[in-house]
């Protein structure tokens, strides 16, 4: 069914005249007549009868009118859902409790009138495909792993260097420390079951281990953050690393300790990725907001792999 024919039918029904409907639609009266005739042939019924005062709806036309109006409303909603500036800004944050989600919450507080769709994707290949297709407008990714440069049509900018912290239970030998150096962590078991081979964060931690001689174990199934915190709390020999901006809540009885890591402080560099031809106006607003609020990068006393996305 031709949506323009349906729109013309509604215009004639509301105007009561073919001539006035033509003026309202900025088309000729002949075009109005052709559209109505084509719609009537498609439906197999007469929609109007000629009357001295113009055009009157037939019984079938009266029955069709509310449905025609609903068709137009549905069509408008469909267009609005994908029209830049009218649809929500779609952003991938990877995880709901991570620093990326915190950045988007800050953006929402600063610009509450901008509609947002926040999604959580996983693999970088999925993200790139989604950015290119317009399924999402932007994504927060930490790094571009060695040998995996970003495609030329994808833009990126570093927006946050998140310091890593050591998380221990109350019986761990480092639990009472106010801070620990990377050298002090050598020989301690750091358990991180969420590291998935082939991901950008796996490449990051591979280089961290190689640079400072740490022992990071990714063995065992990943049952999520709650199970990780339970195990760290109950196992004196285990600790884990987590981002300083990660928001986690655990039971009081766990008595977990978040300890700054220093000399140097390993930072996890988060970047924003988007397609260079993306026209969504809120994307420019997001980029400007992140540029104004981003912390300094490559600060003295910090460490990040030399292949991360440049600032």
C-alpha atoms as a PDB file:
ATOM      1  CA  UNK A   1       0.000   0.000   0.000  1.00  0.00           C
ATOM      2  CA  UNK A   2       1.435   3.350  -1.054  1.00  0.00           C
ATOM      3  CA  UNK A   3       1.862   5.529   2.076  1.00  0.00           C
ATOM      4  CA  UNK A   4       1.540   8.705   0.010  1.00  0.00           C
ATOM      5  CA  UNK A   5      -1.824   7.494  -1.287  1.00  0.00           C
ATOM      6  CA  UNK A   6      -2.920   6.840   2.296  1.00  0.00           C
ATOM      7  CA  UNK A   7      -1.714  10.309   3.314  1.00  0.00           C
ATOM      8  CA  UNK A   8      -3.674  11.808   0.412  1.00  0.00           C
ATOM      9  CA  UNK A   9      -6.808   9.894   1.408  1.00  0.00           C
ATOM     10  CA  UNK A  10      -6.627  11.285   4.959  1.00  0.00           C
ATOM     11  CA  UNK A  11      -6.031  14.798   3.618  1.00  0.00           C
ATOM     12  CA  UNK A  12      -9.138  14.595   1.363  1.00  0.00           C
ATOM     13  CA  UNK A  13     -11.210  13.136   4.199  1.00  0.00           C
ATOM     14  CA  UNK A  14     -10.208  15.997   6.511  1.00  0.00           C
ATOM     15  CA  UNK A  15     -10.506  18.735   3.886  1.00  0.00           C
ATOM     16  CA  UNK A  16     -13.718  17.450   2.316  1.00  0.00           C
ATOM     17  CA  UNK A  17     -12.492  18.566  -1.116  1.00  0.00           C
ATOM     18  CA  UNK A  18      -9.950  17.260  -3.607  1.00  0.00           C
ATOM     19  CA  UNK A  19      -8.889  20.803  -4.481  1.00  0.00           C
ATOM     20  CA  UNK A  20      -8.223  21.861  -0.868  1.00  0.00           C
ATOM     21  CA  UNK A  21      -6.391  18.595  -0.148  1.00  0.00           C
ATOM     22  CA  UNK A  22      -4.185  19.265  -3.184  1.00  0.00           C
ATOM     23  CA  UNK A  23      -3.329  22.705  -1.827  1.00  0.00           C
ATOM     24  CA  UNK A  24      -2.601  21.289   1.630  1.00  0.00           C
ATOM     25  CA  UNK A  25      -0.268  18.673   0.132  1.00  0.00           C
ATOM     26  CA  UNK A  26       1.321  21.068  -2.386  1.00  0.00           C
ATOM     27  CA  UNK A  27       0.447  18.816  -5.318  1.00  0.00           C
ATOM     28  CA  UNK A  28      -1.998  19.128  -8.215  1.00  0.00           C
ATOM     29  CA  UNK A  29      -5.649  18.142  -8.005  1.00  0.00           C
ATOM     30  CA  UNK A  30      -4.995  15.634 -10.792  1.00  0.00           C
ATOM     31  CA  UNK A  31      -2.302  13.975  -8.647  1.00  0.00           C
ATOM     32  CA  UNK A  32      -4.777  13.738  -5.768  1.00  0.00           C
ATOM     33  CA  UNK A  33      -7.352  12.062  -8.010  1.00  0.00           C
ATOM     34  CA  UNK A  34      -4.785   9.577  -9.327  1.00  0.00           C
ATOM     35  CA  UNK A  35      -3.620   8.633  -5.847  1.00  0.00           C
ATOM     36  CA  UNK A  36      -7.161   8.101  -4.585  1.00  0.00           C
ATOM     37  CA  UNK A  37      -8.060   6.036  -7.668  1.00  0.00           C
ATOM     38  CA  UNK A  38      -4.968   3.856  -7.175  1.00  0.00           C
ATOM     39  CA  UNK A  39      -5.798   3.344  -3.492  1.00  0.00           C
ATOM     40  CA  UNK A  40      -9.389   2.404  -4.340  1.00  0.00           C
ATOM     41  CA  UNK A  41      -8.146  -0.150  -6.885  1.00  0.00           C
ATOM     42  CA  UNK A  42      -5.754  -1.574  -4.282  1.00  0.00           C
ATOM     43  CA  UNK A  43      -8.527  -1.927  -1.711  1.00  0.00           C
ATOM     44  CA  UNK A  44     -11.248  -2.928  -4.172  1.00  0.00           C
ATOM     45  CA  UNK A  45     -13.768  -0.408  -2.792  1.00  0.00           C
ATOM     46  CA  UNK A  46     -14.939   3.176  -3.345  1.00  0.00           C
ATOM     47  CA  UNK A  47     -13.701   5.553  -0.658  1.00  0.00           C
ATOM     48  CA  UNK A  48     -15.417   8.788  -1.728  1.00  0.00           C
ATOM     49  CA  UNK A  49     -18.542   9.875  -3.511  1.00  0.00           C
ATOM     50  CA  UNK A  50     -18.810  13.192  -5.305  1.00  0.00           C
ATOM     51  CA  UNK A  51     -21.193  15.643  -3.662  1.00  0.00           C
ATOM     52  CA  UNK A  52     -22.195  19.255  -4.363  1.00  0.00           C
ATOM     53  CA  UNK A  53     -19.966  20.438  -1.549  1.00  0.00           C
ATOM     54  CA  UNK A  54     -16.997  18.266  -2.439  1.00  0.00           C
ATOM     55  CA  UNK A  55     -16.086  14.678  -1.566  1.00  0.00           C
ATOM     56  CA  UNK A  56     -17.860  12.580   1.044  1.00  0.00           C
ATOM     57  CA  UNK A  57     -16.635   9.365   2.570  1.00  0.00           C
ATOM     58  CA  UNK A  58     -18.464   6.180   1.662  1.00  0.00           C
ATOM     59  CA  UNK A  59     -19.230   3.597   4.337  1.00  0.00           C
ATOM     60  CA  UNK A  60     -16.006   1.829   3.370  1.00  0.00           C
ATOM     61  CA  UNK A  61     -14.110   5.119   3.487  1.00  0.00           C
ATOM     62  CA  UNK A  62     -15.432   5.790   6.992  1.00  0.00           C
ATOM     63  CA  UNK A  63     -14.302   2.319   8.098  1.00  0.00           C
ATOM     64  CA  UNK A  64     -10.854   2.789   6.558  1.00  0.00           C
ATOM     65  CA  UNK A  65     -10.159   6.297   7.925  1.00  0.00           C
ATOM     66  CA  UNK A  66      -9.086   5.435  11.516  1.00  0.00           C
ATOM     67  CA  UNK A  67      -6.818   2.692  10.209  1.00  0.00           C
ATOM     68  CA  UNK A  68      -5.321   5.055   7.639  1.00  0.00           C
ATOM     69  CA  UNK A  69      -4.513   7.548  10.361  1.00  0.00           C
ATOM     70  CA  UNK A  70      -2.867   4.807  12.421  1.00  0.00           C
ATOM     71  CA  UNK A  71      -0.808   3.732   9.384  1.00  0.00           C
ATOM     72  CA  UNK A  72       0.523   7.269   9.082  1.00  0.00           C
ATOM     73  CA  UNK A  73       1.343   7.420  12.787  1.00  0.00           C
ATOM     74  CA  UNK A  74       3.231   4.119  12.559  1.00  0.00           C
ATOM     75  CA  UNK A  75       5.132   5.337   9.503  1.00  0.00           C
ATOM     76  CA  UNK A  76       6.135   8.526  11.309  1.00  0.00           C
ATOM     77  CA  UNK A  77       7.335   6.581  14.341  1.00  0.00           C
ATOM     78  CA  UNK A  78       9.371   4.312  12.045  1.00  0.00           C
ATOM     79  CA  UNK A  79      11.071   7.293  10.392  1.00  0.00           C
ATOM     80  CA  UNK A  80      11.675   9.020  13.725  1.00  0.00           C
ATOM     81  CA  UNK A  81      13.343   5.907  15.145  1.00  0.00           C
ATOM     82  CA  UNK A  82      16.206   6.199  12.644  1.00  0.00           C
ATOM     83  CA  UNK A  83      16.322   9.894  11.784  1.00  0.00           C
ATOM     84  CA  UNK A  84      19.458  11.543  13.240  1.00  0.00           C
ATOM     85  CA  UNK A  85      18.531  14.135  15.809  1.00  0.00           C
ATOM     86  CA  UNK A  86      15.104  12.600  16.353  1.00  0.00           C
ATOM     87  CA  UNK A  87      16.059   9.144  17.566  1.00  0.00           C
ATOM     88  CA  UNK A  88      18.015   8.410  20.766  1.00  0.00           C
ATOM     89  CA  UNK A  89      21.797   8.426  20.725  1.00  0.00           C
ATOM     90  CA  UNK A  90      22.882   4.764  20.874  1.00  0.00           C
ATOM     91  CA  UNK A  91      26.101   4.118  22.809  1.00  0.00           C
ATOM     92  CA  UNK A  92      27.834   0.851  23.752  1.00  0.00           C
ATOM     93  CA  UNK A  93      29.319   0.828  27.269  1.00  0.00           C
ATOM     94  CA  UNK A  94      30.500  -2.839  27.429  1.00  0.00           C
ATOM     95  CA  UNK A  95      29.400  -3.295  31.082  1.00  0.00           C
ATOM     96  CA  UNK A  96      26.834  -1.664  33.340  1.00  0.00           C
ATOM     97  CA  UNK A  97      29.148  -1.166  36.342  1.00  0.00           C
ATOM     98  CA  UNK A  98      32.293  -0.033  34.550  1.00  0.00           C
ATOM     99  CA  UNK A  99      33.881   3.337  33.976  1.00  0.00           C
ATOM    100  CA  UNK A 100      32.219   3.659  30.550  1.00  0.00           C
ATOM    101  CA  UNK A 101      28.783   3.497  32.145  1.00  0.00           C
ATOM    102  CA  UNK A 102      29.902   6.140  34.634  1.00  0.00           C
ATOM    103  CA  UNK A 103      30.951   8.435  31.799  1.00  0.00           C
ATOM    104  CA  UNK A 104      27.515   8.090  30.198  1.00  0.00           C
ATOM    105  CA  UNK A 105      25.759   8.739  33.507  1.00  0.00           C
ATOM    106  CA  UNK A 106      27.762  11.936  33.810  1.00  0.00           C
ATOM    107  CA  UNK A 107      26.760  12.906  30.273  1.00  0.00           C
ATOM    108  CA  UNK A 108      23.097  12.226  31.056  1.00  0.00           C
ATOM    109  CA  UNK A 109      23.267  14.418  34.147  1.00  0.00           C
ATOM    110  CA  UNK A 110      24.778  17.233  32.092  1.00  0.00           C
ATOM    111  CA  UNK A 111      22.313  16.824  29.191  1.00  0.00           C
ATOM    112  CA  UNK A 112      19.108  15.258  30.587  1.00  0.00           C
ATOM    113  CA  UNK A 113      17.079  16.286  27.526  1.00  0.00           C
ATOM    114  CA  UNK A 114      19.124  14.084  25.151  1.00  0.00           C
ATOM    115  CA  UNK A 115      17.500  10.679  24.691  1.00  0.00           C
ATOM    116  CA  UNK A 116      19.922   7.788  25.128  1.00  0.00           C
ATOM    117  CA  UNK A 117      19.893   4.094  24.267  1.00  0.00           C
ATOM    118  CA  UNK A 118      22.704   2.395  26.189  1.00  0.00           C
ATOM    119  CA  UNK A 119      23.692  -1.074  24.982  1.00  0.00           C
ATOM    120  CA  UNK A 120      26.348  -3.589  26.020  1.00  0.00           C
ATOM    121  CA  UNK A 121      28.228  -5.361  23.237  1.00  0.00           C
ATOM    122  CA  UNK A 122      31.265  -7.603  23.625  1.00  0.00           C
ATOM    123  CA  UNK A 123      33.568  -8.332  20.711  1.00  0.00           C
ATOM    124  CA  UNK A 124      35.301  -5.450  18.943  1.00  0.00           C
ATOM    125  CA  UNK A 125      34.338  -6.913  15.532  1.00  0.00           C
ATOM    126  CA  UNK A 126      30.673  -6.720  16.548  1.00  0.00           C
ATOM    127  CA  UNK A 127      31.184  -3.126  17.660  1.00  0.00           C
ATOM    128  CA  UNK A 128      32.837  -2.042  14.407  1.00  0.00           C
ATOM    129  CA  UNK A 129      30.066  -3.662  12.361  1.00  0.00           C
ATOM    130  CA  UNK A 130      27.405  -1.971  14.491  1.00  0.00           C
ATOM    131  CA  UNK A 131      29.089   1.438  14.147  1.00  0.00           C
ATOM    132  CA  UNK A 132      29.385   1.070  10.382  1.00  0.00           C
ATOM    133  CA  UNK A 133      25.761  -0.034   9.962  1.00  0.00           C
ATOM    134  CA  UNK A 134      24.410   2.716  12.208  1.00  0.00           C
ATOM    135  CA  UNK A 135      23.080   0.213  14.760  1.00  0.00           C
ATOM    136  CA  UNK A 136      25.050   2.202  17.356  1.00  0.00           C
ATOM    137  CA  UNK A 137      26.482   5.705  17.192  1.00  0.00           C
ATOM    138  CA  UNK A 138      29.505   5.207  19.418  1.00  0.00           C
ATOM    139  CA  UNK A 139      31.310   2.736  21.653  1.00  0.00           C
ATOM    140  CA  UNK A 140      33.724   2.911  24.545  1.00  0.00           C
ATOM    141  CA  UNK A 141      36.701   0.648  23.962  1.00  0.00           C
ATOM    142  CA  UNK A 142      39.879   0.533  25.969  1.00  0.00           C
ATOM    143  CA  UNK A 143      42.565  -0.213  23.427  1.00  0.00           C
ATOM    144  CA  UNK A 144      43.294  -1.268  19.877  1.00  0.00           C
ATOM    145  CA  UNK A 145      45.232  -4.500  20.257  1.00  0.00           C
ATOM    146  CA  UNK A 146      48.516  -5.016  18.367  1.00  0.00           C
ATOM    147  CA  UNK A 147      47.910  -6.074  14.782  1.00  0.00           C
ATOM    148  CA  UNK A 148      44.296  -4.893  14.931  1.00  0.00           C
ATOM    149  CA  UNK A 149      44.330  -1.246  13.822  1.00  0.00           C
ATOM    150  CA  UNK A 150      41.015   0.534  13.578  1.00  0.00           C
ATOM    151  CA  UNK A 151      39.506   0.827  10.072  1.00  0.00           C
ATOM    152  CA  UNK A 152      40.072   4.176   8.353  1.00  0.00           C
ATOM    153  CA  UNK A 153      36.383   5.126   8.554  1.00  0.00           C
ATOM    154  CA  UNK A 154      36.319   4.730  12.354  1.00  0.00           C
ATOM    155  CA  UNK A 155      37.405   7.707  14.452  1.00  0.00           C
ATOM    156  CA  UNK A 156      38.620   7.441  18.043  1.00  0.00           C
ATOM    157  CA  UNK A 157      39.767   9.610  20.921  1.00  0.00           C
ATOM    158  CA  UNK A 158      40.998   8.682  24.384  1.00  0.00           C
ATOM    159  CA  UNK A 159      38.637   9.991  27.028  1.00  0.00           C
ATOM    160  CA  UNK A 160      39.698   8.407  30.328  1.00  0.00           C
ATOM    161  CA  UNK A 161      42.764   6.748  31.835  1.00  0.00           C
ATOM    162  CA  UNK A 162      41.338   4.623  34.658  1.00  0.00           C
ATOM    163  CA  UNK A 163      43.824   3.661  37.401  1.00  0.00           C
ATOM    164  CA  UNK A 164      43.810   0.005  38.444  1.00  0.00           C
ATOM    165  CA  UNK A 165      43.446  -0.946  42.109  1.00  0.00           C
ATOM    166  CA  UNK A 166      44.199  -4.154  43.993  1.00  0.00           C
ATOM    167  CA  UNK A 167      41.173  -5.799  45.605  1.00  0.00           C
ATOM    168  CA  UNK A 168      41.825  -8.185  48.497  1.00  0.00           C
ATOM    169  CA  UNK A 169      39.986  -9.931  51.287  1.00  0.00           C
ATOM    170  CA  UNK A 170      40.669  -9.076  54.951  1.00  0.00           C
ATOM    171  CA  UNK A 171      43.113 -11.982  55.474  1.00  0.00           C
ATOM    172  CA  UNK A 172      45.356 -11.232  52.491  1.00  0.00           C
ATOM    173  CA  UNK A 173      48.939 -10.326  53.371  1.00  0.00           C
ATOM    174  CA  UNK A 174      48.565  -6.941  51.612  1.00  0.00           C
ATOM    175  CA  UNK A 175      45.143  -6.135  53.088  1.00  0.00           C
ATOM    176  CA  UNK A 176      46.545  -3.576  55.526  1.00  0.00           C
ATOM    177  CA  UNK A 177      48.628  -1.676  52.980  1.00  0.00           C
ATOM    178  CA  UNK A 178      47.708   1.907  52.138  1.00  0.00           C
ATOM    179  CA  UNK A 179      49.178   1.354  48.663  1.00  0.00           C
ATOM    180  CA  UNK A 180      51.206  -1.293  46.860  1.00  0.00           C
ATOM    181  CA  UNK A 181      53.779  -1.034  44.105  1.00  0.00           C
ATOM    182  CA  UNK A 182      53.761  -3.229  41.021  1.00  0.00           C
ATOM    183  CA  UNK A 183      57.035  -4.726  42.248  1.00  0.00           C
ATOM    184  CA  UNK A 184      55.338  -5.768  45.505  1.00  0.00           C
ATOM    185  CA  UNK A 185      52.638  -7.586  43.534  1.00  0.00           C
ATOM    186  CA  UNK A 186      55.152  -9.918  41.894  1.00  0.00           C
ATOM    187  CA  UNK A 187      54.697 -13.400  43.336  1.00  0.00           C
ATOM    188  CA  UNK A 188      51.120 -12.800  44.512  1.00  0.00           C
ATOM    189  CA  UNK A 189      48.263 -14.656  42.787  1.00  0.00           C
ATOM    190  CA  UNK A 190      45.948 -12.249  40.974  1.00  0.00           C
ATOM    191  CA  UNK A 191      42.762 -13.982  39.860  1.00  0.00           C
ATOM    192  CA  UNK A 192      40.814 -12.476  36.922  1.00  0.00           C
ATOM    193  CA  UNK A 193      38.477 -15.076  35.387  1.00  0.00           C
ATOM    194  CA  UNK A 194      36.853 -12.471  33.131  1.00  0.00           C
ATOM    195  CA  UNK A 195      39.883 -12.218  30.827  1.00  0.00           C
ATOM    196  CA  UNK A 196      38.828 -13.723  27.487  1.00  0.00           C
ATOM    197  CA  UNK A 197      41.588 -14.624  24.998  1.00  0.00           C
ATOM    198  CA  UNK A 198      41.569 -12.469  21.894  1.00  0.00           C
ATOM    199  CA  UNK A 199      39.892  -9.477  23.533  1.00  0.00           C
ATOM    200  CA  UNK A 200      41.418  -6.048  23.887  1.00  0.00           C
ATOM    201  CA  UNK A 201      41.666  -6.364  27.674  1.00  0.00           C
ATOM    202  CA  UNK A 202      43.418  -9.732  27.355  1.00  0.00           C
ATOM    203  CA  UNK A 203      46.085  -7.999  25.253  1.00  0.00           C
ATOM    204  CA  UNK A 204      46.371  -5.257  27.873  1.00  0.00           C
ATOM    205  CA  UNK A 205      46.913  -7.665  30.770  1.00  0.00           C
ATOM    206  CA  UNK A 206      49.295  -9.795  28.715  1.00  0.00           C
ATOM    207  CA  UNK A 207      51.574  -6.767  28.365  1.00  0.00           C
ATOM    208  CA  UNK A 208      51.141  -5.821  32.019  1.00  0.00           C
ATOM    209  CA  UNK A 209      52.288  -9.304  33.085  1.00  0.00           C
ATOM    210  CA  UNK A 210      55.219  -9.259  30.661  1.00  0.00           C
ATOM    211  CA  UNK A 211      56.363  -5.801  31.756  1.00  0.00           C
ATOM    212  CA  UNK A 212      56.266  -6.299  35.530  1.00  0.00           C
ATOM    213  CA  UNK A 213      56.476 -10.068  36.089  1.00  0.00           C
ATOM    214  CA  UNK A 214      53.024 -10.431  37.634  1.00  0.00           C
ATOM    215  CA  UNK A 215      51.052 -13.646  38.012  1.00  0.00           C
ATOM    216  CA  UNK A 216      47.525 -13.223  36.642  1.00  0.00           C
ATOM    217  CA  UNK A 217      45.348 -16.332  36.556  1.00  0.00           C
ATOM    218  CA  UNK A 218      42.293 -16.426  34.303  1.00  0.00           C
ATOM    219  CA  UNK A 219      41.415 -20.047  35.099  1.00  0.00           C
ATOM    220  CA  UNK A 220      37.944 -21.276  35.989  1.00  0.00           C
ATOM    221  CA  UNK A 221      34.520 -20.218  34.778  1.00  0.00           C
ATOM    222  CA  UNK A 222      33.476 -16.589  35.056  1.00  0.00           C
ATOM    223  CA  UNK A 223      30.362 -16.565  37.223  1.00  0.00           C
ATOM    224  CA  UNK A 224      30.250 -12.773  37.361  1.00  0.00           C
ATOM    225  CA  UNK A 225      31.392 -10.083  39.765  1.00  0.00           C
ATOM    226  CA  UNK A 226      29.420 -11.327  42.772  1.00  0.00           C
ATOM    227  CA  UNK A 227      31.071 -14.753  42.649  1.00  0.00           C
ATOM    228  CA  UNK A 228      34.469 -13.116  42.132  1.00  0.00           C
ATOM    229  CA  UNK A 229      34.010 -10.949  45.233  1.00  0.00           C
ATOM    230  CA  UNK A 230      32.855 -13.936  47.296  1.00  0.00           C
ATOM    231  CA  UNK A 231      35.991 -15.877  46.336  1.00  0.00           C
ATOM    232  CA  UNK A 232      38.382 -12.987  46.979  1.00  0.00           C
ATOM    233  CA  UNK A 233      36.817 -12.400  50.384  1.00  0.00           C
ATOM    234  CA  UNK A 234      37.124 -16.045  51.436  1.00  0.00           C
ATOM    235  CA  UNK A 235      40.551 -16.870  49.926  1.00  0.00           C
ATOM    236  CA  UNK A 236      43.552 -15.189  51.612  1.00  0.00           C
ATOM    237  CA  UNK A 237      45.921 -16.233  48.816  1.00  0.00           C
ATOM    238  CA  UNK A 238      43.943 -14.532  46.031  1.00  0.00           C
ATOM    239  CA  UNK A 239      43.552 -10.904  44.985  1.00  0.00           C
ATOM    240  CA  UNK A 240      42.233  -9.271  41.838  1.00  0.00           C
ATOM    241  CA  UNK A 241      42.653  -6.037  39.901  1.00  0.00           C
ATOM    242  CA  UNK A 242      39.802  -3.689  39.154  1.00  0.00           C
ATOM    243  CA  UNK A 243      39.334  -0.243  37.719  1.00  0.00           C
ATOM    244  CA  UNK A 244      39.224   2.581  40.198  1.00  0.00           C
ATOM    245  CA  UNK A 245      36.009   3.861  38.591  1.00  0.00           C
ATOM    246  CA  UNK A 246      34.235   0.494  38.681  1.00  0.00           C
ATOM    247  CA  UNK A 247      31.178   0.636  40.929  1.00  0.00           C
ATOM    248  CA  UNK A 248      30.672  -2.550  42.975  1.00  0.00           C
ATOM    249  CA  UNK A 249      28.765  -3.241  46.177  1.00  0.00           C
ATOM    250  CA  UNK A 250      29.526  -6.197  48.441  1.00  0.00           C
ATOM    251  CA  UNK A 251      28.204  -7.428  51.795  1.00  0.00           C
ATOM    252  CA  UNK A 252      29.693  -5.792  54.895  1.00  0.00           C
ATOM    253  CA  UNK A 253      30.981  -9.147  56.115  1.00  0.00           C
ATOM    254  CA  UNK A 254      33.287  -9.451  53.107  1.00  0.00           C
ATOM    255  CA  UNK A 255      35.436  -6.573  54.422  1.00  0.00           C
ATOM    256  CA  UNK A 256      37.134  -6.195  51.030  1.00  0.00           C
ATOM    257  CA  UNK A 257      39.948  -3.687  50.582  1.00  0.00           C
ATOM    258  CA  UNK A 258      40.569  -1.506  47.504  1.00  0.00           C
ATOM    259  CA  UNK A 259      44.251  -0.598  47.494  1.00  0.00           C
ATOM    260  CA  UNK A 260      45.899   1.899  45.094  1.00  0.00           C
ATOM    261  CA  UNK A 261      48.678   0.492  42.888  1.00  0.00           C
ATOM    262  CA  UNK A 262      51.695   2.743  42.379  1.00  0.00           C
ATOM    263  CA  UNK A 263      55.217   3.072  41.009  1.00  0.00           C
ATOM    264  CA  UNK A 264      53.933   3.164  38.302  1.00  0.00           C
ATOM    265  CA  UNK A 265      50.133   3.175  38.414  1.00  0.00           C
ATOM    266  CA  UNK A 266      48.748   0.970  35.628  1.00  0.00           C
ATOM    267  CA  UNK A 267      45.939   2.814  33.850  1.00  0.00           C
ATOM    268  CA  UNK A 268      43.327   1.325  31.580  1.00  0.00           C
ATOM    269  CA  UNK A 269      42.816   3.765  28.696  1.00  0.00           C
ATOM    270  CA  UNK A 270      39.202   4.137  27.565  1.00  0.00           C
ATOM    271  CA  UNK A 271      38.479   5.606  24.130  1.00  0.00           C
ATOM    272  CA  UNK A 272      35.337   6.642  22.305  1.00  0.00           C
ATOM    273  CA  UNK A 273      34.851   5.160  18.812  1.00  0.00           C
ATOM    274  CA  UNK A 274      32.439   6.446  16.148  1.00  0.00           C
ATOM    275  CA  UNK A 275      32.001   6.527  12.362  1.00  0.00           C
ATOM    276  CA  UNK A 276      33.454   9.617  10.757  1.00  0.00           C
ATOM    277  CA  UNK A 277      30.256  10.202   8.719  1.00  0.00           C
ATOM    278  CA  UNK A 278      27.798   9.794  11.610  1.00  0.00           C
ATOM    279  CA  UNK A 279      25.486  12.854  11.478  1.00  0.00           C
ATOM    280  CA  UNK A 280      23.725  12.495  14.844  1.00  0.00           C
ATOM    281  CA  UNK A 281      23.944  15.952  16.491  1.00  0.00           C
ATOM    282  CA  UNK A 282      24.045  14.469  20.006  1.00  0.00           C
ATOM    283  CA  UNK A 283      27.239  12.614  19.087  1.00  0.00           C
ATOM    284  CA  UNK A 284      29.042  15.935  18.691  1.00  0.00           C
ATOM    285  CA  UNK A 285      27.650  17.005  22.070  1.00  0.00           C
ATOM    286  CA  UNK A 286      28.919  13.792  23.685  1.00  0.00           C
ATOM    287  CA  UNK A 287      32.380  14.238  22.190  1.00  0.00           C
ATOM    288  CA  UNK A 288      32.578  17.849  23.376  1.00  0.00           C
ATOM    289  CA  UNK A 289      31.425  16.835  26.860  1.00  0.00           C
ATOM    290  CA  UNK A 290      34.039  14.090  27.107  1.00  0.00           C
ATOM    291  CA  UNK A 291      36.759  16.422  25.837  1.00  0.00           C
ATOM    292  CA  UNK A 292      35.861  18.950  28.539  1.00  0.00           C
ATOM    293  CA  UNK A 293      35.700  16.417  31.369  1.00  0.00           C
ATOM    294  CA  UNK A 294      38.448  13.947  30.393  1.00  0.00           C
ATOM    295  CA  UNK A 295      41.329  13.453  32.782  1.00  0.00           C
ATOM    296  CA  UNK A 296      44.906  13.885  31.587  1.00  0.00           C
ATOM    297  CA  UNK A 297      46.505  11.059  29.619  1.00  0.00           C
ATOM    298  CA  UNK A 298      49.973   9.599  29.866  1.00  0.00           C
ATOM    299  CA  UNK A 299      50.514  11.336  33.207  1.00  0.00           C
ATOM    300  CA  UNK A 300      53.801  10.947  35.006  1.00  0.00           C
ATOM    301  CA  UNK A 301      53.947   7.834  37.162  1.00  0.00           C
ATOM    302  CA  UNK A 302      51.439   5.860  35.101  1.00  0.00           C
ATOM    303  CA  UNK A 303      51.775   2.917  32.722  1.00  0.00           C
ATOM    304  CA  UNK A 304      49.832   1.795  29.651  1.00  0.00           C
ATOM    305  CA  UNK A 305      50.923  -0.335  26.676  1.00  0.00           C
ATOM    306  CA  UNK A 306      52.608   1.676  23.940  1.00  0.00           C
ATOM    307  CA  UNK A 307      50.098   0.436  21.331  1.00  0.00           C
ATOM    308  CA  UNK A 308      46.932   1.863  22.897  1.00  0.00           C
ATOM    309  CA  UNK A 309      44.736   4.263  20.949  1.00  0.00           C
ATOM    310  CA  UNK A 310      46.559   7.618  21.028  1.00  0.00           C
ATOM    311  CA  UNK A 311      44.986  10.558  22.764  1.00  0.00           C
END
